[in-house]
């Protein structure tokens, strides 16, 4: 009768592994390794603060120089 208990134990291990496989593959698979490597690379990035006021002023200057519909109507008259 010991072979029956061994078979039941083996079946329960197979069922447990089958149930936990998505979680295990997420932590141990090739994709998980790629995610960890990407996270390490991202930690090395530094955020550079730009001069946002100067940028906003240049955008406003560029927008003011664009032709508008009102200007086209004025030209036709």
N, C-alpha and C. Protein backbone atom coordinates (compact mmCIF):
# COMPACT_ATOMS: atom_id res chain seq x y z
N UNK A 1 0.81 -1.19 0.00
CA UNK A 1 0.00 0.00 0.00
C UNK A 1 0.86 1.26 0.00
N UNK A 2 2.13 1.16 0.21
CA UNK A 2 3.02 2.32 0.22
C UNK A 2 3.12 2.95 -1.17
N UNK A 3 3.01 2.16 -2.22
CA UNK A 3 3.08 2.72 -3.57
C UNK A 3 1.90 3.65 -3.84
N UNK A 4 0.73 3.37 -3.21
CA UNK A 4 -0.44 4.23 -3.37
C UNK A 4 -0.18 5.59 -2.73
N UNK A 5 0.42 5.60 -1.56
CA UNK A 5 0.72 6.87 -0.89
C UNK A 5 1.76 7.67 -1.68
N UNK A 6 2.74 7.00 -2.25
CA UNK A 6 3.75 7.68 -3.06
C UNK A 6 3.10 8.28 -4.30
N UNK A 7 2.20 7.53 -4.93
CA UNK A 7 1.50 8.04 -6.12
C UNK A 7 0.63 9.24 -5.76
N UNK A 8 -0.07 9.18 -4.63
CA UNK A 8 -0.89 10.32 -4.20
C UNK A 8 -0.03 11.54 -3.88
N UNK A 9 1.10 11.31 -3.24
CA UNK A 9 2.01 12.42 -2.94
C UNK A 9 2.54 13.05 -4.22
N UNK A 10 2.94 12.22 -5.18
CA UNK A 10 3.44 12.73 -6.46
C UNK A 10 2.35 13.49 -7.20
N UNK A 11 1.13 12.98 -7.17
CA UNK A 11 0.01 13.67 -7.84
C UNK A 11 -0.27 15.01 -7.18
N UNK A 12 -0.19 15.05 -5.85
CA UNK A 12 -0.45 16.32 -5.17
C UNK A 12 0.65 17.34 -5.47
N UNK A 13 1.89 16.87 -5.60
CA UNK A 13 2.98 17.79 -5.96
C UNK A 13 2.77 18.33 -7.37
N UNK A 14 2.34 17.47 -8.30
CA UNK A 14 2.08 17.91 -9.67
C UNK A 14 0.94 18.92 -9.71
N UNK A 15 -0.11 18.69 -8.95
CA UNK A 15 -1.25 19.62 -8.90
C UNK A 15 -0.80 20.96 -8.30
N UNK A 16 -0.01 20.91 -7.25
CA UNK A 16 0.48 22.14 -6.62
C UNK A 16 1.34 22.95 -7.58
N UNK A 17 2.24 22.28 -8.28
CA UNK A 17 3.09 22.98 -9.25
C UNK A 17 2.24 23.54 -10.39
N UNK A 18 1.25 22.79 -10.83
CA UNK A 18 0.37 23.28 -11.90
C UNK A 18 -0.42 24.50 -11.48
N UNK A 19 -0.85 24.52 -10.23
CA UNK A 19 -1.63 25.66 -9.74
C UNK A 19 -0.76 26.90 -9.55
N UNK A 20 0.48 26.71 -9.16
CA UNK A 20 1.37 27.84 -8.87
C UNK A 20 2.25 28.23 -10.05
N UNK A 21 2.11 27.54 -11.17
CA UNK A 21 3.01 27.79 -12.30
C UNK A 21 2.98 29.23 -12.80
N UNK A 22 1.83 29.88 -12.96
CA UNK A 22 1.86 31.27 -13.45
C UNK A 22 2.66 32.20 -12.52
N UNK A 23 2.50 32.03 -11.24
CA UNK A 23 3.23 32.88 -10.29
C UNK A 23 4.72 32.55 -10.32
N UNK A 24 5.05 31.27 -10.40
CA UNK A 24 6.46 30.87 -10.43
C UNK A 24 7.15 31.32 -11.71
N UNK A 25 6.47 31.19 -12.84
CA UNK A 25 7.10 31.60 -14.09
C UNK A 25 7.27 33.11 -14.15
N UNK A 26 6.38 33.84 -13.48
CA UNK A 26 6.53 35.30 -13.44
C UNK A 26 7.73 35.73 -12.63
N UNK A 27 8.12 34.94 -11.65
CA UNK A 27 9.26 35.30 -10.80
C UNK A 27 10.57 34.68 -11.26
N UNK A 28 10.51 33.59 -11.99
CA UNK A 28 11.73 32.85 -12.30
C UNK A 28 12.05 32.77 -13.78
N UNK A 29 11.17 33.18 -14.65
CA UNK A 29 11.36 32.98 -16.09
C UNK A 29 12.27 34.00 -16.73
N UNK A 30 12.41 33.87 -18.04
CA UNK A 30 13.26 34.78 -18.82
C UNK A 30 12.68 36.19 -18.83
N UNK A 31 11.36 36.30 -18.85
CA UNK A 31 10.75 37.63 -18.83
C UNK A 31 11.02 38.34 -17.51
N UNK A 32 11.02 37.59 -16.42
CA UNK A 32 11.31 38.18 -15.11
C UNK A 32 12.75 38.70 -15.07
N UNK A 33 13.66 37.95 -15.67
CA UNK A 33 15.05 38.39 -15.71
C UNK A 33 15.17 39.67 -16.52
N UNK A 34 14.47 39.73 -17.64
CA UNK A 34 14.50 40.94 -18.47
C UNK A 34 13.92 42.12 -17.72
N UNK A 35 12.84 41.90 -16.96
CA UNK A 35 12.26 42.99 -16.17
C UNK A 35 13.23 43.49 -15.11
N UNK A 36 13.94 42.56 -14.47
CA UNK A 36 14.90 42.97 -13.44
C UNK A 36 16.05 43.76 -14.06
N UNK A 37 16.54 43.33 -15.22
CA UNK A 37 17.61 44.06 -15.89
C UNK A 37 17.15 45.45 -16.31
N UNK A 38 15.93 45.54 -16.80
CA UNK A 38 15.40 46.84 -17.21
C UNK A 38 15.25 47.76 -16.00
N UNK A 39 14.80 47.20 -14.88
CA UNK A 39 14.66 48.00 -13.66
C UNK A 39 16.02 48.52 -13.20
N UNK A 40 17.05 47.69 -13.32
CA UNK A 40 18.40 48.14 -12.93
C UNK A 40 18.87 49.28 -13.84
N UNK A 41 18.60 49.15 -15.15
CA UNK A 41 19.01 50.21 -16.07
C UNK A 41 18.26 51.50 -15.78
N UNK A 42 16.97 51.37 -15.46
CA UNK A 42 16.17 52.56 -15.21
C UNK A 42 16.61 53.27 -13.93
N UNK A 43 17.17 52.55 -12.96
CA UNK A 43 17.63 53.18 -11.74
C UNK A 43 18.82 54.08 -12.00
N UNK A 44 19.56 53.82 -13.06
CA UNK A 44 20.73 54.63 -13.37
C UNK A 44 20.38 55.94 -14.06
N UNK A 45 19.16 56.06 -14.56
CA UNK A 45 18.76 57.30 -15.22
C UNK A 45 18.63 58.43 -14.22
N UNK A 46 18.97 59.61 -14.68
CA UNK A 46 18.81 60.80 -13.84
C UNK A 46 17.88 61.76 -14.56
N UNK A 47 16.99 62.34 -13.84
CA UNK A 47 16.06 63.30 -14.41
C UNK A 47 16.74 64.66 -14.48
N UNK A 48 16.80 65.19 -15.67
CA UNK A 48 17.40 66.50 -15.88
C UNK A 48 16.29 67.54 -15.91
N UNK A 49 16.42 68.53 -15.09
CA UNK A 49 15.41 69.59 -15.07
C UNK A 49 15.78 70.64 -16.10
N UNK A 50 14.85 70.91 -16.97
CA UNK A 50 15.10 71.90 -18.02
C UNK A 50 14.52 73.25 -17.58
N UNK A 51 14.85 74.23 -18.34
CA UNK A 51 14.33 75.56 -18.05
C UNK A 51 12.96 75.68 -18.70
N UNK A 52 11.94 75.34 -17.95
CA UNK A 52 10.60 75.25 -18.51
C UNK A 52 10.03 76.61 -18.88
N UNK A 53 10.39 77.65 -18.15
CA UNK A 53 9.86 78.98 -18.48
C UNK A 53 10.38 79.44 -19.84
N UNK A 54 11.64 79.19 -20.09
CA UNK A 54 12.22 79.58 -21.38
C UNK A 54 11.58 78.78 -22.51
N UNK A 55 11.34 77.50 -22.27
CA UNK A 55 10.70 76.66 -23.27
C UNK A 55 9.27 77.14 -23.53
N UNK A 56 8.54 77.46 -22.48
CA UNK A 56 7.17 77.92 -22.64
C UNK A 56 7.14 79.23 -23.43
N UNK A 57 8.08 80.10 -23.16
CA UNK A 57 8.13 81.37 -23.90
C UNK A 57 8.43 81.12 -25.38
N UNK A 58 9.32 80.18 -25.68
CA UNK A 58 9.62 79.91 -27.09
C UNK A 58 8.43 79.29 -27.79
N UNK A 59 7.67 78.45 -27.10
CA UNK A 59 6.48 77.86 -27.70
C UNK A 59 5.45 78.93 -27.97
N UNK A 60 5.25 79.84 -27.03
CA UNK A 60 4.30 80.94 -27.24
C UNK A 60 4.72 81.80 -28.41
N UNK A 61 6.03 82.08 -28.55
CA UNK A 61 6.52 82.86 -29.69
C UNK A 61 6.22 82.15 -30.99
N UNK A 62 6.49 80.84 -31.02
CA UNK A 62 6.25 80.09 -32.25
C UNK A 62 4.77 80.05 -32.59
N UNK A 63 3.93 79.87 -31.60
CA UNK A 63 2.48 79.84 -31.86
C UNK A 63 1.96 81.18 -32.33
N UNK A 64 2.51 82.25 -31.81
CA UNK A 64 2.04 83.56 -32.23
C UNK A 64 2.43 83.86 -33.68
N UNK A 65 3.46 83.22 -34.18
CA UNK A 65 3.90 83.46 -35.55
C UNK A 65 3.17 82.59 -36.57
N UNK A 66 2.41 81.62 -36.12
CA UNK A 66 1.68 80.76 -37.05
C UNK A 66 0.51 81.51 -37.67
N UNK A 67 0.21 81.25 -38.94
CA UNK A 67 -0.94 81.91 -39.56
C UNK A 67 -2.24 81.37 -38.97
N UNK A 68 -3.23 82.23 -38.89
CA UNK A 68 -4.53 81.83 -38.35
C UNK A 68 -5.61 82.03 -39.40
N UNK A 69 -6.78 81.55 -39.12
CA UNK A 69 -7.91 81.70 -40.05
C UNK A 69 -8.31 83.16 -40.18
N UNK A 70 -8.25 83.90 -39.09
CA UNK A 70 -8.62 85.31 -39.14
C UNK A 70 -7.72 86.09 -40.08
N UNK A 71 -6.43 85.77 -40.10
CA UNK A 71 -5.50 86.46 -41.00
C UNK A 71 -5.85 86.18 -42.46
N UNK A 72 -6.27 84.96 -42.77
CA UNK A 72 -6.65 84.63 -44.14
C UNK A 72 -7.90 85.40 -44.54
N UNK A 73 -8.84 85.55 -43.63
CA UNK A 73 -10.06 86.31 -43.93
C UNK A 73 -9.72 87.80 -44.17
N UNK A 74 -8.80 88.33 -43.35
CA UNK A 74 -8.41 89.72 -43.52
C UNK A 74 -7.71 89.95 -44.85
N UNK A 75 -6.95 89.01 -45.30
CA UNK A 75 -6.24 89.15 -46.59
C UNK A 75 -7.22 89.16 -47.76
N UNK A 76 -8.31 88.39 -47.65
CA UNK A 76 -9.28 88.31 -48.72
C UNK A 76 -10.08 89.61 -48.85
N UNK A 77 -10.23 90.31 -47.79
CA UNK A 77 -11.04 91.56 -47.84
C UNK A 77 -10.27 92.68 -48.39
